[in-house]
PDB file of N, CA and C in Angstrom:
ATOM      1  N   MET A   1     218.777  39.652  38.685  1.00  0.00           N
ATOM      2  CA  MET A   1     217.795  40.019  39.533  1.00  0.00           C
ATOM      3  C   MET A   1     216.767  40.318  37.727  1.00  0.00           C
ATOM      4  N   PRO A   2     215.773  40.613  37.933  1.00  0.00           N
ATOM      5  CA  PRO A   2     214.700  40.827  36.831  1.00  0.00           C
ATOM      6  C   PRO A   2     214.525  41.788  35.940  1.00  0.00           C
ATOM      7  N   ALA A   3     214.599  42.016  34.874  1.00  0.00           N
ATOM      8  CA  ALA A   3     215.020  43.191  33.828  1.00  0.00           C
ATOM      9  C   ALA A   3     214.072  44.420  34.507  1.00  0.00           C
ATOM     10  N   ASP A   4     212.597  43.822  34.443  1.00  0.00           N
ATOM     11  CA  ASP A   4     211.707  44.975  35.456  1.00  0.00           C
ATOM     12  C   ASP A   4     211.776  45.458  36.836  1.00  0.00           C
ATOM     13  N   LYS A   5     213.040  44.953  37.287  1.00  0.00           N
ATOM     14  CA  LYS A   5     213.370  45.762  38.726  1.00  0.00           C
ATOM     15  C   LYS A   5     214.252  46.563  38.537  1.00  0.00           C
ATOM     16  N   SER A   6     214.517  47.805  38.917  1.00  0.00           N
ATOM     17  CA  SER A   6     215.556  49.129  38.512  1.00  0.00           C
ATOM     18  C   SER A   6     216.667  48.818  39.272  1.00  0.00           C
ATOM     19  N   ASP A   7     217.597  49.269  39.357  1.00  0.00           N
ATOM     20  CA  ASP A   7     218.558  49.722  40.183  1.00  0.00           C
ATOM     21  C   ASP A   7     218.300  50.867  40.819  1.00  0.00           C
ATOM     22  N   ILE A   8     218.700  50.955  42.088  1.00  0.00           N
ATOM     23  CA  ILE A   8     218.423  51.982  42.276  1.00  0.00           C
ATOM     24  C   ILE A   8     219.875  53.031  42.496  1.00  0.00           C
ATOM     25  N   LEU A   9     219.271  54.582  42.299  1.00  0.00           N
ATOM     26  CA  LEU A   9     220.454  55.038  42.366  1.00  0.00           C
ATOM     27  C   LEU A   9     221.679  55.648  43.448  1.00  0.00           C
ATOM     28  N   HIS A  10     223.124  55.504  42.953  1.00  0.00           N
ATOM     29  CA  HIS A  10     224.210  55.719  43.978  1.00  0.00           C
ATOM     30  C   HIS A  10     223.317  56.443  45.297  1.00  0.00           C
ATOM     31  N   GLY A  11     223.623  56.007  46.332  1.00  0.00           N
ATOM     32  CA  GLY A  11     223.602  57.027  47.444  1.00  0.00           C
ATOM     33  C   GLY A  11     222.369  57.428  48.228  1.00  0.00           C
ATOM     34  N   THR A  12     221.015  56.191  47.293  1.00  0.00           N
ATOM     35  CA  THR A  12     219.478  56.269  47.703  1.00  0.00           C
ATOM     36  C   THR A  12     219.548  55.544  49.079  1.00  0.00           C
ATOM     37  N   LEU A  13     220.115  54.220  48.672  1.00  0.00           N
ATOM     38  CA  LEU A  13     220.000  53.276  49.998  1.00  0.00           C
ATOM     39  C   LEU A  13     220.068  53.619  51.381  1.00  0.00           C
ATOM     40  N   ASP A  14     220.658  54.122  51.730  1.00  0.00           N
ATOM     41  CA  ASP A  14     221.000  55.041  53.120  1.00  0.00           C
ATOM     42  C   ASP A  14     219.847  55.830  53.174  1.00  0.00           C
ATOM     43  N   PHE A  15     219.446  56.199  52.247  1.00  0.00           N
ATOM     44  CA  PHE A  15     218.229  57.055  52.470  1.00  0.00           C
ATOM     45  C   PHE A  15     216.929  56.261  52.790  1.00  0.00           C
ATOM     46  N   ILE A  16     216.440  55.207  51.785  1.00  0.00           N
ATOM     47  CA  ILE A  16     215.886  54.658  52.225  1.00  0.00           C
ATOM     48  C   ILE A  16     215.409  53.996  53.134  1.00  0.00           C
ATOM     49  N   VAL A  17     216.692  53.006  53.485  1.00  0.00           N
ATOM     50  CA  VAL A  17     216.598  52.271  54.601  1.00  0.00           C
ATOM     51  C   VAL A  17     216.703  53.469  56.072  1.00  0.00           C
ATOM     52  N   LEU A  18     217.031  54.523  56.034  1.00  0.00           N
ATOM     53  CA  LEU A  18     216.870  55.358  57.312  1.00  0.00           C
ATOM     54  C   LEU A  18     215.243  55.774  57.328  1.00  0.00           C
ATOM     55  N   LYS A  19     214.697  56.077  56.059  1.00  0.00           N
ATOM     56  CA  LYS A  19     213.424  56.095  55.848  1.00  0.00           C
ATOM     57  C   LYS A  19     212.223  55.068  56.638  1.00  0.00           C
ATOM     58  N   THR A  20     212.496  54.201  55.961  1.00  0.00           N
ATOM     59  CA  THR A  20     212.004  52.544  56.222  1.00  0.00           C
ATOM     60  C   THR A  20     211.960  52.776  57.553  1.00  0.00           C
ATOM     61  N   LEU A  21     213.351  52.886  58.786  1.00  0.00           N
ATOM     62  CA  LEU A  21     213.086  52.685  59.831  1.00  0.00           C
ATOM     63  C   LEU A  21     212.941  53.635  60.520  1.00  0.00           C
ATOM     64  N   HIS A  22     212.631  55.054  60.033  1.00  0.00           N
ATOM     65  CA  HIS A  22     212.264  55.964  60.919  1.00  0.00           C
ATOM     66  C   HIS A  22     210.263  55.830  60.882  1.00  0.00           C
ATOM     67  N   ALA A  23     210.330  55.192  59.464  1.00  0.00           N
ATOM     68  CA  ALA A  23     208.662  54.548  59.268  1.00  0.00           C
ATOM     69  C   ALA A  23     208.176  53.505  60.272  1.00  0.00           C
ATOM     70  N   MET A  24     208.749  52.479  60.020  1.00  0.00           N
ATOM     71  CA  MET A  24     208.456  51.317  60.600  1.00  0.00           C
ATOM     72  C   MET A  24     209.291  51.001  61.857  1.00  0.00           C
ATOM     73  N   GLY A  25     209.757  51.706  62.508  1.00  0.00           N
ATOM     74  CA  GLY A  25     210.286  51.119  63.991  1.00  0.00           C
ATOM     75  C   GLY A  25     211.347  50.286  63.665  1.00  0.00           C
ATOM     76  N   PRO A  26     212.338  49.147  64.493  1.00  0.00           N
ATOM     77  CA  PRO A  26     213.175  48.346  64.642  1.00  0.00           C
ATOM     78  C   PRO A  26     212.336  47.356  63.676  1.00  0.00           C
ATOM     79  N   LEU A  27     213.315  47.234  62.556  1.00  0.00           N
ATOM     80  CA  LEU A  27     213.268  45.902  61.849  1.00  0.00           C
ATOM     81  C   LEU A  27     214.792  45.087  61.480  1.00  0.00           C
ATOM     82  N   HIS A  28     214.433  43.331  61.363  1.00  0.00           N
ATOM     83  CA  HIS A  28     215.470  42.908  60.824  1.00  0.00           C
ATOM     84  C   HIS A  28     216.017  43.268  59.267  1.00  0.00           C
ATOM     85  N   GLY A  29     216.877  42.470  59.036  1.00  0.00           N
ATOM     86  CA  GLY A  29     217.638  42.850  57.337  1.00  0.00           C
ATOM     87  C   GLY A  29     216.666  42.621  56.586  1.00  0.00           C
ATOM     88  N   TYR A  30     215.780  41.027  56.102  1.00  0.00           N
ATOM     89  CA  TYR A  30     214.864  40.920  55.634  1.00  0.00           C
ATOM     90  C   TYR A  30     213.647  41.667  55.691  1.00  0.00           C
ATOM     91  N   ALA A  31     213.200  41.827  56.877  1.00  0.00           N
ATOM     92  CA  ALA A  31     211.936  43.004  56.601  1.00  0.00           C
ATOM     93  C   ALA A  31     212.436  44.007  56.090  1.00  0.00           C
ATOM     94  N   ILE A  32     213.818  44.862  56.040  1.00  0.00           N
ATOM     95  CA  ILE A  32     213.723  46.099  55.331  1.00  0.00           C
ATOM     96  C   ILE A  32     213.784  45.739  54.127  1.00  0.00           C
ATOM     97  N   ALA A  33     214.112  44.716  53.704  1.00  0.00           N
ATOM     98  CA  ALA A  33     214.162  44.171  51.816  1.00  0.00           C
ATOM     99  C   ALA A  33     212.892  44.442  51.513  1.00  0.00           C
ATOM    100  N   ARG A  34     212.250  43.348  51.962  1.00  0.00           N
ATOM    101  CA  ARG A  34     210.838  42.962  51.497  1.00  0.00           C
ATOM    102  C   ARG A  34     210.482  44.914  52.057  1.00  0.00           C
ATOM    103  N   ARG A  35     209.976  44.992  53.049  1.00  0.00           N
ATOM    104  CA  ARG A  35     209.287  46.505  53.158  1.00  0.00           C
ATOM    105  C   ARG A  35     209.725  47.456  51.982  1.00  0.00           C
ATOM    106  N   ILE A  36     210.774  47.473  51.712  1.00  0.00           N
ATOM    107  CA  ILE A  36     211.559  48.358  50.385  1.00  0.00           C
ATOM    108  C   ILE A  36     210.884  47.811  49.008  1.00  0.00           C
ATOM    109  N   GLU A  37     210.898  46.614  48.738  1.00  0.00           N
ATOM    110  CA  GLU A  37     210.220  45.929  47.265  1.00  0.00           C
ATOM    111  C   GLU A  37     208.426  46.046  47.519  1.00  0.00           C
ATOM    112  N   GLN A  38     207.986  46.293  49.331  1.00  0.00           N
ATOM    113  CA  GLN A  38     206.492  46.344  48.849  1.00  0.00           C
ATOM    114  C   GLN A  38     206.313  47.887  48.643  1.00  0.00           C
ATOM    115  N   VAL A  39     206.722  49.059  49.545  1.00  0.00           N
ATOM    116  CA  VAL A  39     207.032  50.351  49.307  1.00  0.00           C
ATOM    117  C   VAL A  39     207.232  50.763  47.313  1.00  0.00           C
ATOM    118  N   SER A  40     207.720  50.097  47.126  1.00  0.00           N
ATOM    119  CA  SER A  40     208.430  50.601  45.578  1.00  0.00           C
ATOM    120  C   SER A  40     207.491  49.487  45.003  1.00  0.00           C
ATOM    121  N   ALA A  41     206.617  49.399  45.071  1.00  0.00           N
ATOM    122  CA  ALA A  41     205.364  48.081  44.296  1.00  0.00           C
ATOM    123  C   ALA A  41     206.278  47.057  43.210  1.00  0.00           C
ATOM    124  N   ASP A  42     207.532  46.697  44.350  1.00  0.00           N
ATOM    125  CA  ASP A  42     208.360  45.757  43.438  1.00  0.00           C
ATOM    126  C   ASP A  42     208.940  45.924  42.491  1.00  0.00           C
ATOM    127  N   GLN A  43     209.037  47.321  42.537  1.00  0.00           N
ATOM    128  CA  GLN A  43     210.301  47.869  41.455  1.00  0.00           C
ATOM    129  C   GLN A  43     211.491  48.024  41.514  1.00  0.00           C
ATOM    130  N   LEU A  44     211.691  47.949  42.638  1.00  0.00           N
ATOM    131  CA  LEU A  44     212.823  47.561  43.239  1.00  0.00           C
ATOM    132  C   LEU A  44     213.276  46.266  44.447  1.00  0.00           C
ATOM    133  N   ALA A  45     214.689  45.440  43.539  1.00  0.00           N
ATOM    134  CA  ALA A  45     214.612  44.507  44.852  1.00  0.00           C
ATOM    135  C   ALA A  45     215.745  44.861  45.261  1.00  0.00           C
ATOM    136  N   ILE A  46     216.349  44.792  46.341  1.00  0.00           N
ATOM    137  CA  ILE A  46     216.972  44.685  47.243  1.00  0.00           C
ATOM    138  C   ILE A  46     217.727  43.344  47.714  1.00  0.00           C
ATOM    139  N   ASN A  47     218.876  42.647  47.288  1.00  0.00           N
ATOM    140  CA  ASN A  47     220.005  41.746  47.594  1.00  0.00           C
ATOM    141  C   ASN A  47     220.819  41.835  48.898  1.00  0.00           C
ATOM    142  N   GLN A  48     220.605  40.831  49.466  1.00  0.00           N
ATOM    143  CA  GLN A  48     221.553  40.475  50.694  1.00  0.00           C
ATOM    144  C   GLN A  48     223.088  41.359  50.491  1.00  0.00           C
ATOM    145  N   GLY A  49     223.490  41.147  49.617  1.00  0.00           N
ATOM    146  CA  GLY A  49     225.258  41.888  49.170  1.00  0.00           C
ATOM    147  C   GLY A  49     225.025  43.339  48.732  1.00  0.00           C
ATOM    148  N   THR A  50     223.652  43.716  48.954  1.00  0.00           N
ATOM    149  CA  THR A  50     223.554  45.140  49.032  1.00  0.00           C
ATOM    150  C   THR A  50     223.431  46.019  49.617  1.00  0.00           C
ATOM    151  N   LEU A  51     222.626  45.015  50.708  1.00  0.00           N
ATOM    152  CA  LEU A  51     221.490  45.372  51.803  1.00  0.00           C
ATOM    153  C   LEU A  51     222.419  45.385  52.974  1.00  0.00           C
ATOM    154  N   TYR A  52     223.376  44.387  53.592  1.00  0.00           N
ATOM    155  CA  TYR A  52     224.086  44.524  54.311  1.00  0.00           C
ATOM    156  C   TYR A  52     225.310  45.050  54.879  1.00  0.00           C
ATOM    157  N   PRO A  53     225.756  45.308  52.971  1.00  0.00           N
ATOM    158  CA  PRO A  53     226.964  46.192  53.895  1.00  0.00           C
ATOM    159  C   PRO A  53     226.234  48.266  53.971  1.00  0.00           C
ATOM    160  N   ALA A  54     225.511  48.057  53.113  1.00  0.00           N
ATOM    161  CA  ALA A  54     224.699  49.256  53.955  1.00  0.00           C
ATOM    162  C   ALA A  54     224.537  49.133  54.775  1.00  0.00           C
ATOM    163  N   LEU A  55     223.479  48.220  55.625  1.00  0.00           N
ATOM    164  CA  LEU A  55     223.398  48.118  57.156  1.00  0.00           C
ATOM    165  C   LEU A  55     224.569  48.647  57.863  1.00  0.00           C
ATOM    166  N   LEU A  56     225.747  47.805  57.375  1.00  0.00           N
ATOM    167  CA  LEU A  56     226.922  48.053  58.200  1.00  0.00           C
ATOM    168  C   LEU A  56     227.405  49.608  58.335  1.00  0.00           C
ATOM    169  N   LYS A  57     227.644  50.008  57.041  1.00  0.00           N
ATOM    170  CA  LYS A  57     228.309  51.441  56.960  1.00  0.00           C
ATOM    171  C   LYS A  57     226.921  52.480  57.586  1.00  0.00           C
ATOM    172  N   LEU A  58     225.718  51.988  57.591  1.00  0.00           N
ATOM    173  CA  LEU A  58     224.993  52.718  58.587  1.00  0.00           C
ATOM    174  C   LEU A  58     225.094  53.116  59.974  1.00  0.00           C
ATOM    175  N   GLN A  59     225.565  52.036  60.385  1.00  0.00           N
ATOM    176  CA  GLN A  59     226.069  51.444  62.144  1.00  0.00           C
ATOM    177  C   GLN A  59     227.443  51.734  61.832  1.00  0.00           C
ATOM    178  N   GLN A  60     228.464  52.083  61.083  1.00  0.00           N
ATOM    179  CA  GLN A  60     229.923  52.476  61.677  1.00  0.00           C
ATOM    180  C   GLN A  60     229.047  54.648  61.568  1.00  0.00           C
ATOM    181  N   HIS A  61     228.410  54.810  60.866  1.00  0.00           N
ATOM    182  CA  HIS A  61     228.036  56.215  61.440  1.00  0.00           C
ATOM    183  C   HIS A  61     227.440  56.298  62.066  1.00  0.00           C
ATOM    184  N   GLY A  62     227.182  55.468  62.830  1.00  0.00           N
ATOM    185  CA  GLY A  62     225.813  55.778  64.284  1.00  0.00           C
ATOM    186  C   GLY A  62     224.372  56.040  63.834  1.00  0.00           C
ATOM    187  N   TRP A  63     224.287  55.905  62.861  1.00  0.00           N
ATOM    188  CA  TRP A  63     223.055  55.782  62.108  1.00  0.00           C
ATOM    189  C   TRP A  63     221.716  54.976  62.602  1.00  0.00           C
ATOM    190  N   ILE A  64     222.055  54.193  62.950  1.00  0.00           N
ATOM    191  CA  ILE A  64     221.168  52.834  63.113  1.00  0.00           C
ATOM    192  C   ILE A  64     222.229  51.937  64.544  1.00  0.00           C
ATOM    193  N   SER A  65     221.169  51.664  65.139  1.00  0.00           N
ATOM    194  CA  SER A  65     221.992  51.118  66.458  1.00  0.00           C
ATOM    195  C   SER A  65     221.722  49.146  65.601  1.00  0.00           C
ATOM    196  N   THR A  66     221.792  48.115  66.525  1.00  0.00           N
ATOM    197  CA  THR A  66     221.821  47.304  66.190  1.00  0.00           C
ATOM    198  C   THR A  66     221.434  46.145  67.713  1.00  0.00           C
ATOM    199  N   LYS A  67     220.330  45.454  67.523  1.00  0.00           N
ATOM    200  CA  LYS A  67     220.646  44.743  68.722  1.00  0.00           C
ATOM    201  C   LYS A  67     220.060  43.167  68.009  1.00  0.00           C
ATOM    202  N   TRP A  68     220.092  41.680  69.079  1.00  0.00           N
ATOM    203  CA  TRP A  68     219.690  41.055  68.704  1.00  0.00           C
ATOM    204  C   TRP A  68     217.816  40.381  69.088  1.00  0.00           C
ATOM    205  N   GLY A  69     217.245  40.057  68.300  1.00  0.00           N
ATOM    206  CA  GLY A  69     215.856  40.040  68.331  1.00  0.00           C
ATOM    207  C   GLY A  69     215.624  38.404  68.009  1.00  0.00           C
ATOM    208  N   ALA A  70     214.278  38.067  68.090  1.00  0.00           N
ATOM    209  CA  ALA A  70     213.625  36.655  67.215  1.00  0.00           C
ATOM    210  C   ALA A  70     212.467  37.435  66.056  1.00  0.00           C
ATOM    211  N   SER A  71     212.582  36.415  64.968  1.00  0.00           N
ATOM    212  CA  SER A  71     211.995  36.707  64.244  1.00  0.00           C
ATOM    213  C   SER A  71     210.644  36.131  64.037  1.00  0.00           C
ATOM    214  N   SER A  72     209.706  36.799  63.385  1.00  0.00           N
ATOM    215  CA  SER A  72     207.940  36.191  63.210  1.00  0.00           C
ATOM    216  C   SER A  72     208.392  34.609  64.046  1.00  0.00           C
ATOM    217  N   THR A  73     209.396  34.114  63.145  1.00  0.00           N
ATOM    218  CA  THR A  73     209.148  32.553  63.313  1.00  0.00           C
ATOM    219  C   THR A  73     209.984  31.892  64.592  1.00  0.00           C
ATOM    220  N   GLY A  74     210.482  32.405  65.709  1.00  0.00           N
ATOM    221  CA  GLY A  74     211.505  32.261  66.944  1.00  0.00           C
ATOM    222  C   GLY A  74     212.655  32.190  66.134  1.00  0.00           C
ATOM    223  N   ARG A  75     213.451  32.775  65.315  1.00  0.00           N
ATOM    224  CA  ARG A  75     214.950  32.505  64.602  1.00  0.00           C
ATOM    225  C   ARG A  75     215.574  33.599  65.365  1.00  0.00           C
ATOM    226  N   ARG A  76     216.748  33.706  66.084  1.00  0.00           N
ATOM    227  CA  ARG A  76     217.499  34.913  66.172  1.00  0.00           C
ATOM    228  C   ARG A  76     217.600  36.002  65.051  1.00  0.00           C
ATOM    229  N   VAL A  77     217.847  36.680  65.084  1.00  0.00           N
ATOM    230  CA  VAL A  77     217.888  38.113  63.879  1.00  0.00           C
ATOM    231  C   VAL A  77     218.313  39.049  64.543  1.00  0.00           C
ATOM    232  N   LYS A  78     219.061  39.939  63.700  1.00  0.00           N
ATOM    233  CA  LYS A  78     219.790  41.413  64.348  1.00  0.00           C
ATOM    234  C   LYS A  78     218.763  42.254  63.783  1.00  0.00           C
ATOM    235  N   VAL A  79     218.211  43.203  64.630  1.00  0.00           N
ATOM    236  CA  VAL A  79     217.089  43.834  64.601  1.00  0.00           C
ATOM    237  C   VAL A  79     218.069  45.123  64.291  1.00  0.00           C
ATOM    238  N   TYR A  80     217.666  45.910  63.616  1.00  0.00           N
ATOM    239  CA  TYR A  80     217.972  47.302  63.683  1.00  0.00           C
ATOM    240  C   TYR A  80     216.925  48.456  63.686  1.00  0.00           C
ATOM    241  N   SER A  81     217.631  49.541  64.468  1.00  0.00           N
ATOM    242  CA  SER A  81     216.696  50.763  64.682  1.00  0.00           C
ATOM    243  C   SER A  81     217.561  51.523  64.262  1.00  0.00           C
ATOM    244  N   ILE A  82     216.471  52.951  63.799  1.00  0.00           N
ATOM    245  CA  ILE A  82     217.665  54.808  63.792  1.00  0.00           C
ATOM    246  C   ILE A  82     217.427  55.274  65.122  1.00  0.00           C
ATOM    247  N   THR A  83     219.188  55.470  65.051  1.00  0.00           N
ATOM    248  CA  THR A  83     219.330  56.248  65.796  1.00  0.00           C
ATOM    249  C   THR A  83     218.641  58.231  66.335  1.00  0.00           C
ATOM    250  N   ARG A  84     218.691  58.398  67.086  1.00  0.00           N
ATOM    251  CA  ARG A  84     219.103  60.252  66.644  1.00  0.00           C
ATOM    252  C   ARG A  84     219.644  60.680  65.931  1.00  0.00           C
ATOM    253  N   ARG A  85     221.148  60.232  65.567  1.00  0.00           N
ATOM    254  CA  ARG A  85     221.750  60.762  64.683  1.00  0.00           C
ATOM    255  C   ARG A  85     221.639  60.604  63.766  1.00  0.00           C
ATOM    256  N   GLY A  86     220.775  58.990  63.599  1.00  0.00           N
ATOM    257  CA  GLY A  86     220.063  58.709  62.324  1.00  0.00           C
ATOM    258  C   GLY A  86     219.508  59.621  61.881  1.00  0.00           C
ATOM    259  N   GLU A  87     217.717  60.079  62.738  1.00  0.00           N
ATOM    260  CA  GLU A  87     217.339  61.091  62.065  1.00  0.00           C
ATOM    261  C   GLU A  87     217.443  62.375  61.718  1.00  0.00           C
ATOM    262  N   GLN A  88     218.621  63.288  62.444  1.00  0.00           N
ATOM    263  CA  GLN A  88     219.274  63.862  62.256  1.00  0.00           C
ATOM    264  C   GLN A  88     219.585  63.758  60.993  1.00  0.00           C
ATOM    265  N   GLN A  89     220.452  62.682  60.497  1.00  0.00           N
ATOM    266  CA  GLN A  89     220.672  62.596  58.940  1.00  0.00           C
ATOM    267  C   GLN A  89     219.487  62.350  57.926  1.00  0.00           C
ATOM    268  N   LEU A  90     218.689  61.122  58.316  1.00  0.00           N
ATOM    269  CA  LEU A  90     217.604  61.343  57.950  1.00  0.00           C
ATOM    270  C   LEU A  90     216.799  62.900  57.344  1.00  0.00           C
ATOM    271  N   THR A  91     216.682  63.801  58.282  1.00  0.00           N
ATOM    272  CA  THR A  91     216.218  65.499  58.241  1.00  0.00           C
ATOM    273  C   THR A  91     217.176  66.059  56.735  1.00  0.00           C
ATOM    274  N   THR A  92     218.542  65.447  57.084  1.00  0.00           N
ATOM    275  CA  THR A  92     219.356  66.630  55.855  1.00  0.00           C
ATOM    276  C   THR A  92     219.434  66.135  54.356  1.00  0.00           C
ATOM    277  N   GLU A  93     219.378  64.483  54.538  1.00  0.00           N
ATOM    278  CA  GLU A  93     219.180  63.702  53.295  1.00  0.00           C
ATOM    279  C   GLU A  93     217.690  64.295  52.297  1.00  0.00           C
ATOM    280  N   GLU A  94     216.489  64.324  53.316  1.00  0.00           N
ATOM    281  CA  GLU A  94     215.129  64.472  53.112  1.00  0.00           C
ATOM    282  C   GLU A  94     215.149  65.777  52.030  1.00  0.00           C
ATOM    283  N   ALA A  95     215.985  66.649  52.991  1.00  0.00           N
ATOM    284  CA  ALA A  95     215.881  68.381  52.300  1.00  0.00           C
ATOM    285  C   ALA A  95     216.977  67.958  51.132  1.00  0.00           C
ATOM    286  N   ASP A  96     218.028  67.048  51.085  1.00  0.00           N
ATOM    287  CA  ASP A  96     219.093  67.312  49.896  1.00  0.00           C
ATOM    288  C   ASP A  96     218.118  66.695  48.571  1.00  0.00           C
ATOM    289  N   TRP A  97     217.451  65.250  49.127  1.00  0.00           N
ATOM    290  CA  TRP A  97     216.554  64.899  47.265  1.00  0.00           C
ATOM    291  C   TRP A  97     215.478  66.036  47.351  1.00  0.00           C
ATOM    292  N   GLN A  98     214.841  66.606  48.288  1.00  0.00           N
ATOM    293  CA  GLN A  98     213.901  67.624  47.731  1.00  0.00           C
ATOM    294  C   GLN A  98     214.043  68.251  46.396  1.00  0.00           C
ATOM    295  N   ARG A  99     215.841  68.538  47.378  1.00  0.00           N
ATOM    296  CA  ARG A  99     215.767  69.971  46.423  1.00  0.00           C
ATOM    297  C   ARG A  99     216.079  69.457  44.711  1.00  0.00           C
ATOM    298  N   ALA A 100     217.055  67.960  45.178  1.00  0.00           N
ATOM    299  CA  ALA A 100     217.488  67.725  43.882  1.00  0.00           C
ATOM    300  C   ALA A 100     216.145  67.297  42.782  1.00  0.00           C
ATOM    301  N   ALA A 101     215.330  66.618  43.701  1.00  0.00           N
ATOM    302  CA  ALA A 101     214.029  66.364  42.740  1.00  0.00           C
ATOM    303  C   ALA A 101     213.746  67.692  42.591  1.00  0.00           C
ATOM    304  N   GLY A 102     213.315  68.613  43.052  1.00  0.00           N
ATOM    305  CA  GLY A 102     213.019  70.208  42.599  1.00  0.00           C
ATOM    306  C   GLY A 102     213.850  70.745  40.731  1.00  0.00           C
ATOM    307  N   ILE A 103     215.460  70.136  41.085  1.00  0.00           N
ATOM    308  CA  ILE A 103     215.789  70.650  39.998  1.00  0.00           C
ATOM    309  C   ILE A 103     215.561  70.170  38.711  1.00  0.00           C
ATOM    310  N   VAL A 104     215.522  68.550  39.284  1.00  0.00           N
ATOM    311  CA  VAL A 104     215.083  67.394  37.857  1.00  0.00           C
ATOM    312  C   VAL A 104     213.729  67.558  37.237  1.00  0.00           C
ATOM    313  N   ALA A 105     212.505  68.256  38.371  1.00  0.00           N
ATOM    314  CA  ALA A 105     211.767  68.489  37.630  1.00  0.00           C
ATOM    315  C   ALA A 105     211.670  69.888  36.768  1.00  0.00           C
ATOM    316  N   LYS A 106     212.354  70.650  36.978  1.00  0.00           N
ATOM    317  CA  LYS A 106     212.839  71.569  35.935  1.00  0.00           C
ATOM    318  C   LYS A 106     212.795  71.762  34.394  1.00  0.00           C
ATOM    319  N   PHE A 107     213.585  70.387  34.761  1.00  0.00           N
ATOM    320  CA  PHE A 107     214.003  69.807  33.117  1.00  0.00           C
ATOM    321  C   PHE A 107     212.818  69.537  32.655  1.00  0.00           C
ATOM    322  N   TYR A 108     212.044  68.419  33.212  1.00  0.00           N
ATOM    323  CA  TYR A 108     211.045  68.094  32.732  1.00  0.00           C
ATOM    324  C   TYR A 108     210.155  69.088  32.285  1.00  0.00           C
ATOM    325  N   LYS A 109     209.955  70.425  32.769  1.00  0.00           N
ATOM    326  CA  LYS A 109     209.330  71.267  31.998  1.00  0.00           C
ATOM    327  C   LYS A 109     209.603  72.387  30.910  1.00  0.00           C
ATOM    328  N   LEU A 110     210.917  71.856  30.555  1.00  0.00           N
ATOM    329  CA  LEU A 110     211.813  72.314  29.196  1.00  0.00           C
ATOM    330  C   LEU A 110     211.243  71.626  27.833  1.00  0.00           C
ATOM    331  N   SER A 111     210.656  72.861  26.726  1.00  0.00           N
ATOM    332  CA  SER A 111     210.516  72.153  25.458  1.00  0.00           C
ATOM    333  C   SER A 111     211.552  72.678  24.477  1.00  0.00           C
ATOM    334  N   LYS A 112     211.352  72.084  23.373  1.00  0.00           N
ATOM    335  CA  LYS A 112     212.251  72.249  23.200  1.00  0.00           C
ATOM    336  C   LYS A 112     212.057  73.828  21.813  1.00  0.00           C
ATOM    337  N   GLU A 113     213.166  74.572  22.016  1.00  0.00           N
ATOM    338  CA  GLU A 113     213.067  75.829  21.936  1.00  0.00           C
ATOM    339  C   GLU A 113     212.831  76.206  20.087  1.00  0.00           C
ATOM    340  N   PRO A 114     211.811  76.785  19.364  1.00  0.00           N
ATOM    341  CA  PRO A 114     212.027  77.005  18.466  1.00  0.00           C
ATOM    342  C   PRO A 114     214.017  77.381  18.115  1.00  0.00           C
ATOM    343  N   LYS A 115     213.854  77.566  16.275  1.00  0.00           N
ATOM    344  CA  LYS A 115     215.458  78.189  16.257  1.00  0.00           C
ATOM    345  C   LYS A 115     215.289  79.461  15.420  1.00  0.00           C
TER     346      LYS A 115
END
């Protein structure tokens, strides 16, 4: 991965994938990775070795479902969709991330106190 592309924080990929599927509807794995790169303005690079284990985990939790479909080139691909349980999990994770972002934002506001 190029040095200018960031690693994502542990635990954020689940949220990003769920949010992507929620916003875009059903997508195959390659399209999910490309959409994440697009939304991040190419600041994140998602490789197969990271994405597919995450998709499997999300499926095992019941947060996404899969079915076979065709890509734009007609190739057979596995298409991923967010489930009702996934929507509920996304709501929970959005609240958690908003709370965490609020906490971190408080530290940005800190200034060095005089001695």
